[in-house]
Amino acid sequence: MNEIRSPAVAGIFYPEDSINLKRMINGFISEVPDYIPDYFKKNGIHNFFSIIVPHAGYIYSGSVAAYGYSLLKGKKFDTVILLGPSHYSYFEGFALAYFKSFLTPLGEIPIDIEFSDLLAKEGKGVFEYLKNAHMREHSLEVQLPFLQEILEEDFRIVPILMGEQNIRASEEGAEILHKILSNYEKSFLIVVSTDLSHYHNSMLAEKMDTKFINTIKELNPRKLISLTESNEIEACGVGPVATMLTTAIKMNRRNIKDLIYRHSGEVSKDYDRVVGYTSIAVW
């Protein structure tokens, strides 16, 4: 594991130079209204289990992702588990990253090798090292600059991609995550990466995406996948969301708040073919 994973979508999904990248991220964060972080402060909520955030190009979804990341300002996590869908490689189970670190225009982020090895050992046949699965994938990469800019201290990452997204895989993955995290003495956060419905008109997209968000708030991961299989809702990361939700239920992290919903038409002005985005907090 001596290899560094180079950026695959810098200059495409987000700026490839650090100055403009920092400026863009901080611009998004500054636009998050005060009532979002104030809600959690007033209710004494400081420790988050997970955030769900989108993974499109920053011009489309960066402002939505900022709502989730704004909650992490001033926070410290030893380990950030990144859970997202694989867009380019097909495999069963979950793919761990066989690298020592991920590189972005903001610098290098080390992988938590100890945690990754534990997943591979405890979840043999479910969590496996698959280097090639991560080479081109953007769903996790686009989260990294936000984390680098928002989190104040050093942290390590555990990048995990989900292949075939079904109930069996999500429940197997959640069982292993629960087993490890229940005895984990360090601080951690799970960042789940997903976009919502793809290329419907804005009215239909909003209807489908509202059902998706409400099903998350119902804490019903099985229903999430079932509704996706029947095409009533869409989300490229429904499996990662269901995996995290199942883990959250097992660990009694049952509080959920949807922070924002938007779609790409609000940027492109094309309301006939939109992609939906949301940010959601779990604690």
C-alpha atoms as a PDB file:
ATOM      1  CA  MET A   1       0.000   0.000   0.000  1.00  0.00           C
ATOM      2  CA  ASN A   2       2.714   2.465  -0.918  1.00  0.00           C
ATOM      3  CA  GLU A   3       0.863   4.055  -3.813  1.00  0.00           C
ATOM      4  CA  ILE A   4      -0.903   7.429  -3.678  1.00  0.00           C
ATOM      5  CA  ARG A   5      -4.258   7.657  -5.424  1.00  0.00           C
ATOM      6  CA  SER A   6      -4.123  10.697  -7.710  1.00  0.00           C
ATOM      7  CA  PRO A   7      -7.178  12.882  -8.363  1.00  0.00           C
ATOM      8  CA  ALA A   8      -9.388  11.589 -11.164  1.00  0.00           C
ATOM      9  CA  VAL A   9     -11.816  14.514 -11.552  1.00  0.00           C
ATOM     10  CA  ALA A  10      -9.880  17.615 -10.448  1.00  0.00           C
ATOM     11  CA  GLY A  11     -10.436  20.250 -13.106  1.00  0.00           C
ATOM     12  CA  ILE A  12     -13.689  18.536 -14.122  1.00  0.00           C
ATOM     13  CA  PHE A  13     -15.902  18.252 -11.035  1.00  0.00           C
ATOM     14  CA  TYR A  14     -14.038  20.893  -9.034  1.00  0.00           C
ATOM     15  CA  PRO A  15     -11.122  23.355  -9.548  1.00  0.00           C
ATOM     16  CA  GLU A  16      -7.704  21.768  -9.937  1.00  0.00           C
ATOM     17  CA  ASP A  17      -5.822  24.641  -8.304  1.00  0.00           C
ATOM     18  CA  SER A  18      -5.905  25.001  -4.545  1.00  0.00           C
ATOM     19  CA  ILE A  19      -6.640  28.736  -4.432  1.00  0.00           C
ATOM     20  CA  ASN A  20      -9.815  28.588  -6.495  1.00  0.00           C
ATOM     21  CA  LEU A  21     -10.846  25.336  -4.848  1.00  0.00           C
ATOM     22  CA  LYS A  22     -10.577  26.831  -1.361  1.00  0.00           C
ATOM     23  CA  ARG A  23     -12.375  29.970  -2.510  1.00  0.00           C
ATOM     24  CA  MET A  24     -15.241  27.951  -3.982  1.00  0.00           C
ATOM     25  CA  ILE A  25     -15.683  25.744  -0.907  1.00  0.00           C
ATOM     26  CA  ASN A  26     -15.576  28.651   1.518  1.00  0.00           C
ATOM     27  CA  GLY A  27     -18.011  30.539  -0.681  1.00  0.00           C
ATOM     28  CA  PHE A  28     -20.480  27.660  -0.456  1.00  0.00           C
ATOM     29  CA  ILE A  29     -20.046  27.386   3.315  1.00  0.00           C
ATOM     30  CA  SER A  30     -20.568  31.126   3.798  1.00  0.00           C
ATOM     31  CA  GLU A  31     -23.923  30.884   2.003  1.00  0.00           C
ATOM     32  CA  VAL A  32     -25.337  28.333   4.448  1.00  0.00           C
ATOM     33  CA  PRO A  33     -27.873  30.245   6.570  1.00  0.00           C
ATOM     34  CA  ASP A  34     -27.138  30.579  10.276  1.00  0.00           C
ATOM     35  CA  TYR A  35     -30.301  28.752  11.291  1.00  0.00           C
ATOM     36  CA  ILE A  36     -28.785  25.446  10.102  1.00  0.00           C
ATOM     37  CA  PRO A  37     -25.866  25.234  12.571  1.00  0.00           C
ATOM     38  CA  ASP A  38     -27.894  27.205  15.154  1.00  0.00           C
ATOM     39  CA  TYR A  39     -30.565  24.477  15.237  1.00  0.00           C
ATOM     40  CA  PHE A  40     -28.006  21.930  16.411  1.00  0.00           C
ATOM     41  CA  LYS A  41     -26.285  24.302  18.828  1.00  0.00           C
ATOM     42  CA  LYS A  42     -29.561  25.283  20.483  1.00  0.00           C
ATOM     43  CA  ASN A  43     -30.498  21.631  20.895  1.00  0.00           C
ATOM     44  CA  GLY A  44     -27.111  20.692  22.301  1.00  0.00           C
ATOM     45  CA  ILE A  45     -26.244  18.410  19.372  1.00  0.00           C
ATOM     46  CA  HIS A  46     -22.515  18.260  18.770  1.00  0.00           C
ATOM     47  CA  ASN A  47     -21.613  14.688  17.855  1.00  0.00           C
ATOM     48  CA  PHE A  48     -22.739  13.506  14.445  1.00  0.00           C
ATOM     49  CA  PHE A  49     -22.836   9.898  13.311  1.00  0.00           C
ATOM     50  CA  SER A  50     -23.160  10.602   9.586  1.00  0.00           C
ATOM     51  CA  ILE A  51     -23.915  13.122   6.901  1.00  0.00           C
ATOM     52  CA  ILE A  52     -25.439  12.315   3.509  1.00  0.00           C
ATOM     53  CA  VAL A  53     -24.146  14.613   0.765  1.00  0.00           C
ATOM     54  CA  PRO A  54     -24.208  14.725  -3.071  1.00  0.00           C
ATOM     55  CA  HIS A  55     -21.344  14.071  -5.476  1.00  0.00           C
ATOM     56  CA  ALA A  56     -22.012  15.998  -8.676  1.00  0.00           C
ATOM     57  CA  GLY A  57     -19.825  18.770 -10.044  1.00  0.00           C
ATOM     58  CA  TYR A  58     -19.427  21.523  -7.482  1.00  0.00           C
ATOM     59  CA  ILE A  59     -21.259  24.094  -9.612  1.00  0.00           C
ATOM     60  CA  TYR A  60     -24.369  21.928  -9.372  1.00  0.00           C
ATOM     61  CA  SER A  61     -24.217  20.310  -5.941  1.00  0.00           C
ATOM     62  CA  GLY A  62     -21.458  22.045  -3.973  1.00  0.00           C
ATOM     63  CA  SER A  63     -23.862  24.490  -2.374  1.00  0.00           C
ATOM     64  CA  VAL A  64     -26.021  21.554  -1.190  1.00  0.00           C
ATOM     65  CA  ALA A  65     -23.052  19.587   0.149  1.00  0.00           C
ATOM     66  CA  ALA A  66     -22.003  22.688   2.088  1.00  0.00           C
ATOM     67  CA  TYR A  67     -25.092  22.371   4.302  1.00  0.00           C
ATOM     68  CA  GLY A  68     -23.854  19.037   5.594  1.00  0.00           C
ATOM     69  CA  TYR A  69     -20.225  20.060   5.855  1.00  0.00           C
ATOM     70  CA  SER A  70     -21.073  23.309   7.645  1.00  0.00           C
ATOM     71  CA  LEU A  71     -22.020  21.190  10.685  1.00  0.00           C
ATOM     72  CA  LEU A  72     -18.454  19.901  10.933  1.00  0.00           C
ATOM     73  CA  LYS A  73     -16.745  23.270  11.431  1.00  0.00           C
ATOM     74  CA  GLY A  74     -14.460  23.061  14.436  1.00  0.00           C
ATOM     75  CA  LYS A  75     -15.039  19.314  14.777  1.00  0.00           C
ATOM     76  CA  LYS A  76     -12.348  16.664  15.098  1.00  0.00           C
ATOM     77  CA  PHE A  77     -12.620  13.099  13.844  1.00  0.00           C
ATOM     78  CA  ASP A  78      -9.842  10.541  13.936  1.00  0.00           C
ATOM     79  CA  THR A  79     -11.423   8.481  11.162  1.00  0.00           C
ATOM     80  CA  VAL A  80     -13.777   9.513   8.374  1.00  0.00           C
ATOM     81  CA  ILE A  81     -15.472   6.557   6.690  1.00  0.00           C
ATOM     82  CA  LEU A  82     -16.479   7.435   3.130  1.00  0.00           C
ATOM     83  CA  LEU A  83     -19.263   5.285   1.712  1.00  0.00           C
ATOM     84  CA  GLY A  84     -20.384   5.740  -1.876  1.00  0.00           C
ATOM     85  CA  PRO A  85     -21.507   3.953  -5.045  1.00  0.00           C
ATOM     86  CA  SER A  86     -19.264   2.609  -7.772  1.00  0.00           C
ATOM     87  CA  HIS A  87     -20.111   4.165 -11.137  1.00  0.00           C
ATOM     88  CA  TYR A  88     -17.465   2.451 -13.270  1.00  0.00           C
ATOM     89  CA  SER A  89     -16.700  -0.986 -11.784  1.00  0.00           C
ATOM     90  CA  TYR A  90     -19.114  -3.819 -11.085  1.00  0.00           C
ATOM     91  CA  PHE A  91     -18.491  -6.113  -8.140  1.00  0.00           C
ATOM     92  CA  GLU A  92     -20.335  -7.680  -5.240  1.00  0.00           C
ATOM     93  CA  GLY A  93     -19.947  -6.303  -1.741  1.00  0.00           C
ATOM     94  CA  PHE A  94     -17.713  -3.380  -0.838  1.00  0.00           C
ATOM     95  CA  ALA A  95     -14.374  -2.274  -2.280  1.00  0.00           C
ATOM     96  CA  LEU A  96     -11.650  -1.011   0.047  1.00  0.00           C
ATOM     97  CA  ALA A  97      -8.910   1.201  -1.390  1.00  0.00           C
ATOM     98  CA  TYR A  98      -5.474  -0.398  -1.769  1.00  0.00           C
ATOM     99  CA  PHE A  99      -3.548   2.870  -1.407  1.00  0.00           C
ATOM    100  CA  LYS A 100      -1.662   4.595   1.393  1.00  0.00           C
ATOM    101  CA  SER A 101      -3.382   7.946   0.738  1.00  0.00           C
ATOM    102  CA  PHE A 102      -5.626   9.983  -1.551  1.00  0.00           C
ATOM    103  CA  LEU A 103      -4.280  13.166  -3.117  1.00  0.00           C
ATOM    104  CA  THR A 104      -6.301  16.313  -3.885  1.00  0.00           C
ATOM    105  CA  PRO A 105      -5.225  19.827  -4.884  1.00  0.00           C
ATOM    106  CA  LEU A 106      -5.318  20.621  -1.141  1.00  0.00           C
ATOM    107  CA  GLY A 107      -2.817  17.923  -0.243  1.00  0.00           C
ATOM    108  CA  GLU A 108      -2.562  14.290   0.792  1.00  0.00           C
ATOM    109  CA  ILE A 109      -4.985  12.473   3.103  1.00  0.00           C
ATOM    110  CA  PRO A 110      -3.721   9.229   4.679  1.00  0.00           C
ATOM    111  CA  ILE A 111      -5.889   6.134   4.679  1.00  0.00           C
ATOM    112  CA  ASP A 112      -6.651   4.518   8.023  1.00  0.00           C
ATOM    113  CA  ILE A 113      -4.931   1.246   7.147  1.00  0.00           C
ATOM    114  CA  GLU A 114      -5.666  -0.286  10.544  1.00  0.00           C
ATOM    115  CA  PHE A 115      -9.417   0.258  10.188  1.00  0.00           C
ATOM    116  CA  SER A 116      -9.395  -0.882   6.548  1.00  0.00           C
ATOM    117  CA  ASP A 117      -7.536  -4.064   7.462  1.00  0.00           C
ATOM    118  CA  LEU A 118     -10.031  -4.721  10.238  1.00  0.00           C
ATOM    119  CA  LEU A 119     -12.895  -4.433   7.746  1.00  0.00           C
ATOM    120  CA  ALA A 120     -11.113  -6.811   5.367  1.00  0.00           C
ATOM    121  CA  LYS A 121     -10.486  -9.310   8.169  1.00  0.00           C
ATOM    122  CA  GLU A 122     -13.924  -9.181   9.828  1.00  0.00           C
ATOM    123  CA  GLY A 123     -15.778  -8.829   6.543  1.00  0.00           C
ATOM    124  CA  LYS A 124     -13.939 -11.305   4.374  1.00  0.00           C
ATOM    125  CA  GLY A 125     -15.992 -11.802   1.227  1.00  0.00           C
ATOM    126  CA  VAL A 126     -17.964  -8.613   1.924  1.00  0.00           C
ATOM    127  CA  PHE A 127     -15.202  -5.992   2.290  1.00  0.00           C
ATOM    128  CA  GLU A 128     -12.289  -6.639  -0.072  1.00  0.00           C
ATOM    129  CA  TYR A 129      -9.372  -4.564  -1.357  1.00  0.00           C
ATOM    130  CA  LEU A 130     -10.114  -3.648  -4.982  1.00  0.00           C
ATOM    131  CA  LYS A 131      -7.628  -1.055  -6.172  1.00  0.00           C
ATOM    132  CA  ASN A 132      -9.042  -0.588  -9.663  1.00  0.00           C
ATOM    133  CA  ALA A 133     -12.546   0.183  -8.385  1.00  0.00           C
ATOM    134  CA  HIS A 134     -11.251   3.458  -6.917  1.00  0.00           C
ATOM    135  CA  MET A 135      -9.062   4.633  -9.800  1.00  0.00           C
ATOM    136  CA  ARG A 136     -11.705   6.599 -11.758  1.00  0.00           C
ATOM    137  CA  GLU A 137     -14.439   6.960  -9.145  1.00  0.00           C
ATOM    138  CA  HIS A 138     -15.649  10.473  -8.288  1.00  0.00           C
ATOM    139  CA  SER A 139     -18.337   9.781  -5.653  1.00  0.00           C
ATOM    140  CA  LEU A 140     -15.812   9.790  -2.803  1.00  0.00           C
ATOM    141  CA  GLU A 141     -13.138  12.032  -4.306  1.00  0.00           C
ATOM    142  CA  VAL A 142     -15.378  15.103  -4.473  1.00  0.00           C
ATOM    143  CA  GLN A 143     -15.952  14.875  -0.701  1.00  0.00           C
ATOM    144  CA  LEU A 144     -12.277  15.120   0.188  1.00  0.00           C
ATOM    145  CA  PRO A 145     -11.600  18.840  -0.445  1.00  0.00           C
ATOM    146  CA  PHE A 146     -14.607  19.743   1.715  1.00  0.00           C
ATOM    147  CA  LEU A 147     -13.247  17.601   4.536  1.00  0.00           C
ATOM    148  CA  GLN A 148      -9.760  19.060   4.162  1.00  0.00           C
ATOM    149  CA  GLU A 149     -11.063  22.608   4.313  1.00  0.00           C
ATOM    150  CA  ILE A 150     -13.620  22.115   7.104  1.00  0.00           C
ATOM    151  CA  LEU A 151     -11.986  19.762   9.594  1.00  0.00           C
ATOM    152  CA  GLU A 152      -9.398  21.590  11.646  1.00  0.00           C
ATOM    153  CA  GLU A 153      -7.075  18.740  12.595  1.00  0.00           C
ATOM    154  CA  ASP A 154      -5.515  15.756  10.891  1.00  0.00           C
ATOM    155  CA  PHE A 155      -7.781  12.842  10.095  1.00  0.00           C
ATOM    156  CA  ARG A 156      -7.573   9.565   8.247  1.00  0.00           C
ATOM    157  CA  ILE A 157     -10.046   8.215   5.728  1.00  0.00           C
ATOM    158  CA  VAL A 158     -11.526   4.818   4.953  1.00  0.00           C
ATOM    159  CA  PRO A 159     -12.777   5.006   1.335  1.00  0.00           C
ATOM    160  CA  ILE A 160     -15.409   2.326   0.638  1.00  0.00           C
ATOM    161  CA  LEU A 161     -17.272   1.809  -2.616  1.00  0.00           C
ATOM    162  CA  MET A 162     -20.386  -0.351  -2.850  1.00  0.00           C
ATOM    163  CA  GLY A 163     -20.869  -2.516  -5.930  1.00  0.00           C
ATOM    164  CA  GLU A 164     -24.150  -4.386  -6.302  1.00  0.00           C
ATOM    165  CA  GLN A 165     -26.693  -2.489  -4.221  1.00  0.00           C
ATOM    166  CA  ASN A 166     -29.247  -4.770  -2.635  1.00  0.00           C
ATOM    167  CA  ILE A 167     -30.729  -5.456   0.788  1.00  0.00           C
ATOM    168  CA  ARG A 168     -28.505  -8.460   1.465  1.00  0.00           C
ATOM    169  CA  ALA A 169     -25.275  -6.560   0.776  1.00  0.00           C
ATOM    170  CA  SER A 170     -26.315  -3.495   2.773  1.00  0.00           C
ATOM    171  CA  GLU A 171     -27.299  -5.593   5.791  1.00  0.00           C
ATOM    172  CA  GLU A 172     -24.109  -7.662   5.639  1.00  0.00           C
ATOM    173  CA  GLY A 173     -22.032  -4.490   5.413  1.00  0.00           C
ATOM    174  CA  ALA A 174     -23.926  -2.873   8.273  1.00  0.00           C
ATOM    175  CA  GLU A 175     -23.452  -5.913  10.502  1.00  0.00           C
ATOM    176  CA  ILE A 176     -19.680  -5.731  10.061  1.00  0.00           C
ATOM    177  CA  LEU A 177     -19.526  -1.947  10.493  1.00  0.00           C
ATOM    178  CA  HIS A 178     -21.622  -2.213  13.647  1.00  0.00           C
ATOM    179  CA  LYS A 179     -19.354  -4.898  15.067  1.00  0.00           C
ATOM    180  CA  ILE A 180     -16.238  -2.793  14.517  1.00  0.00           C
ATOM    181  CA  LEU A 181     -17.626   0.639  15.396  1.00  0.00           C
ATOM    182  CA  SER A 182     -19.273  -0.600  18.613  1.00  0.00           C
ATOM    183  CA  ASN A 183     -15.802  -1.281  19.990  1.00  0.00           C
ATOM    184  CA  TYR A 184     -13.998   1.586  18.263  1.00  0.00           C
ATOM    185  CA  GLU A 185     -12.383   3.923  20.744  1.00  0.00           C
ATOM    186  CA  LYS A 186     -11.500   6.712  18.323  1.00  0.00           C
ATOM    187  CA  SER A 187     -13.853   9.403  17.036  1.00  0.00           C
ATOM    188  CA  PHE A 188     -15.421   8.720  13.645  1.00  0.00           C
ATOM    189  CA  LEU A 189     -17.857  10.070  11.074  1.00  0.00           C
ATOM    190  CA  ILE A 190     -19.555   8.295   8.178  1.00  0.00           C
ATOM    191  CA  VAL A 191     -19.891  10.419   5.023  1.00  0.00           C
ATOM    192  CA  VAL A 192     -22.400   8.882   2.610  1.00  0.00           C
ATOM    193  CA  SER A 193     -22.284  10.044  -0.990  1.00  0.00           C
ATOM    194  CA  THR A 194     -25.351   9.968  -3.235  1.00  0.00           C
ATOM    195  CA  ASP A 195     -27.268  11.964  -5.789  1.00  0.00           C
ATOM    196  CA  LEU A 196     -31.019  11.482  -6.116  1.00  0.00           C
ATOM    197  CA  SER A 197     -33.301  11.188  -9.172  1.00  0.00           C
ATOM    198  CA  HIS A 198     -31.741  11.589 -12.619  1.00  0.00           C
ATOM    199  CA  TYR A 199     -33.057  13.365 -15.717  1.00  0.00           C
ATOM    200  CA  HIS A 200     -36.750  13.752 -14.990  1.00  0.00           C
ATOM    201  CA  ASN A 201     -38.657  17.031 -15.169  1.00  0.00           C
ATOM    202  CA  SER A 202     -38.390  19.055 -11.991  1.00  0.00           C
ATOM    203  CA  MET A 203     -41.935  18.302 -10.815  1.00  0.00           C
ATOM    204  CA  LEU A 204     -41.488  14.522 -11.016  1.00  0.00           C
ATOM    205  CA  ALA A 205     -37.970  14.757  -9.597  1.00  0.00           C
ATOM    206  CA  GLU A 206     -39.167  16.673  -6.550  1.00  0.00           C
ATOM    207  CA  LYS A 207     -41.945  14.121  -5.969  1.00  0.00           C
ATOM    208  CA  MET A 208     -39.557  11.153  -6.179  1.00  0.00           C
ATOM    209  CA  ASP A 209     -36.861  12.825  -4.107  1.00  0.00           C
ATOM    210  CA  THR A 210     -39.296  13.860  -1.376  1.00  0.00           C
ATOM    211  CA  LYS A 211     -40.328  10.207  -1.056  1.00  0.00           C
ATOM    212  CA  PHE A 212     -36.662   9.219  -0.829  1.00  0.00           C
ATOM    213  CA  ILE A 213     -35.926  11.761   1.905  1.00  0.00           C
ATOM    214  CA  ASN A 214     -39.066  10.861   3.865  1.00  0.00           C
ATOM    215  CA  THR A 215     -38.149   7.166   3.754  1.00  0.00           C
ATOM    216  CA  ILE A 216     -34.746   8.001   5.234  1.00  0.00           C
ATOM    217  CA  LYS A 217     -36.492   9.954   7.998  1.00  0.00           C
ATOM    218  CA  GLU A 218     -38.681   6.904   8.626  1.00  0.00           C
ATOM    219  CA  LEU A 219     -35.478   4.935   9.314  1.00  0.00           C
ATOM    220  CA  ASN A 220     -36.550   2.321   6.798  1.00  0.00           C
ATOM    221  CA  PRO A 221     -33.510   1.131   4.801  1.00  0.00           C
ATOM    222  CA  ARG A 222     -35.271  -1.949   3.412  1.00  0.00           C
ATOM    223  CA  LYS A 223     -38.063   0.232   2.045  1.00  0.00           C
ATOM    224  CA  LEU A 224     -35.473   2.546   0.474  1.00  0.00           C
ATOM    225  CA  ILE A 225     -34.022  -0.264  -1.608  1.00  0.00           C
ATOM    226  CA  SER A 226     -37.443  -1.761  -2.360  1.00  0.00           C
ATOM    227  CA  LEU A 227     -38.755   1.587  -3.662  1.00  0.00           C
ATOM    228  CA  THR A 228     -35.629   1.957  -5.784  1.00  0.00           C
ATOM    229  CA  GLU A 229     -36.059  -1.514  -7.268  1.00  0.00           C
ATOM    230  CA  SER A 230     -39.656  -0.638  -8.201  1.00  0.00           C
ATOM    231  CA  ASN A 231     -38.462   2.673  -9.746  1.00  0.00           C
ATOM    232  CA  GLU A 232     -40.592   4.773  -7.396  1.00  0.00           C
ATOM    233  CA  ILE A 233     -37.467   6.593  -6.244  1.00  0.00           C
ATOM    234  CA  GLU A 234     -33.933   6.910  -7.594  1.00  0.00           C
ATOM    235  CA  ALA A 235     -30.563   7.373  -5.958  1.00  0.00           C
ATOM    236  CA  CYS A 236     -27.256   6.118  -7.295  1.00  0.00           C
ATOM    237  CA  GLY A 237     -26.091   5.647  -3.697  1.00  0.00           C
ATOM    238  CA  VAL A 238     -29.194   4.008  -2.234  1.00  0.00           C
ATOM    239  CA  GLY A 239     -27.120   1.012  -1.115  1.00  0.00           C
ATOM    240  CA  PRO A 240     -24.581   3.102   0.802  1.00  0.00           C
ATOM    241  CA  VAL A 241     -27.432   5.098   2.380  1.00  0.00           C
ATOM    242  CA  ALA A 242     -29.221   1.883   3.415  1.00  0.00           C
ATOM    243  CA  THR A 243     -25.967   0.454   4.797  1.00  0.00           C
ATOM    244  CA  MET A 244     -25.347   3.530   6.914  1.00  0.00           C
ATOM    245  CA  LEU A 245     -28.985   3.693   8.092  1.00  0.00           C
ATOM    246  CA  THR A 246     -28.958   0.034   9.127  1.00  0.00           C
ATOM    247  CA  THR A 247     -25.732   0.641  11.034  1.00  0.00           C
ATOM    248  CA  ALA A 248     -27.214   3.753  12.661  1.00  0.00           C
ATOM    249  CA  ILE A 249     -30.276   1.826  13.827  1.00  0.00           C
ATOM    250  CA  LYS A 250     -28.087  -0.912  15.313  1.00  0.00           C
ATOM    251  CA  MET A 251     -26.057   1.745  17.150  1.00  0.00           C
ATOM    252  CA  ASN A 252     -29.157   3.670  18.294  1.00  0.00           C
ATOM    253  CA  ARG A 253     -28.341   6.767  16.228  1.00  0.00           C
ATOM    254  CA  ARG A 254     -31.921   7.414  15.226  1.00  0.00           C
ATOM    255  CA  ASN A 255     -32.100  11.202  14.860  1.00  0.00           C
ATOM    256  CA  ILE A 256     -32.296  12.520  11.313  1.00  0.00           C
ATOM    257  CA  LYS A 257     -32.711  16.009   9.912  1.00  0.00           C
ATOM    258  CA  ASP A 258     -32.894  16.908   6.231  1.00  0.00           C
ATOM    259  CA  LEU A 259     -30.993  20.148   5.767  1.00  0.00           C
ATOM    260  CA  ILE A 260     -31.744  21.109   2.163  1.00  0.00           C
ATOM    261  CA  TYR A 261     -33.032  19.836  -1.158  1.00  0.00           C
ATOM    262  CA  ARG A 262     -32.217  21.301  -4.562  1.00  0.00           C
ATOM    263  CA  HIS A 263     -31.886  20.091  -8.132  1.00  0.00           C
ATOM    264  CA  SER A 264     -29.610  20.902 -11.057  1.00  0.00           C
ATOM    265  CA  GLY A 265     -32.275  22.889 -12.891  1.00  0.00           C
ATOM    266  CA  GLU A 266     -31.829  25.697 -10.371  1.00  0.00           C
ATOM    267  CA  VAL A 267     -28.333  26.157 -11.805  1.00  0.00           C
ATOM    268  CA  SER A 268     -28.684  25.059 -15.435  1.00  0.00           C
ATOM    269  CA  LYS A 269     -32.205  26.514 -15.856  1.00  0.00           C
ATOM    270  CA  ASP A 270     -33.115  23.292 -17.684  1.00  0.00           C
ATOM    271  CA  TYR A 271     -36.151  22.089 -15.743  1.00  0.00           C
ATOM    272  CA  ASP A 272     -36.933  19.219 -18.109  1.00  0.00           C
ATOM    273  CA  ARG A 273     -33.949  17.037 -17.164  1.00  0.00           C
ATOM    274  CA  VAL A 274     -32.759  17.581 -13.610  1.00  0.00           C
ATOM    275  CA  VAL A 275     -30.709  15.706 -11.006  1.00  0.00           C
ATOM    276  CA  GLY A 276     -31.735  15.920  -7.355  1.00  0.00           C
ATOM    277  CA  TYR A 277     -29.415  16.650  -4.418  1.00  0.00           C
ATOM    278  CA  THR A 278     -29.836  16.683  -0.653  1.00  0.00           C
ATOM    279  CA  SER A 279     -27.843  17.028   2.563  1.00  0.00           C
ATOM    280  CA  ILE A 280     -28.979  15.116   5.639  1.00  0.00           C
ATOM    281  CA  ALA A 281     -27.550  14.819   9.155  1.00  0.00           C
ATOM    282  CA  VAL A 282     -27.736  11.690  11.338  1.00  0.00           C
ATOM    283  CA  TRP A 283     -26.896  11.569  15.055  1.00  0.00           C
END
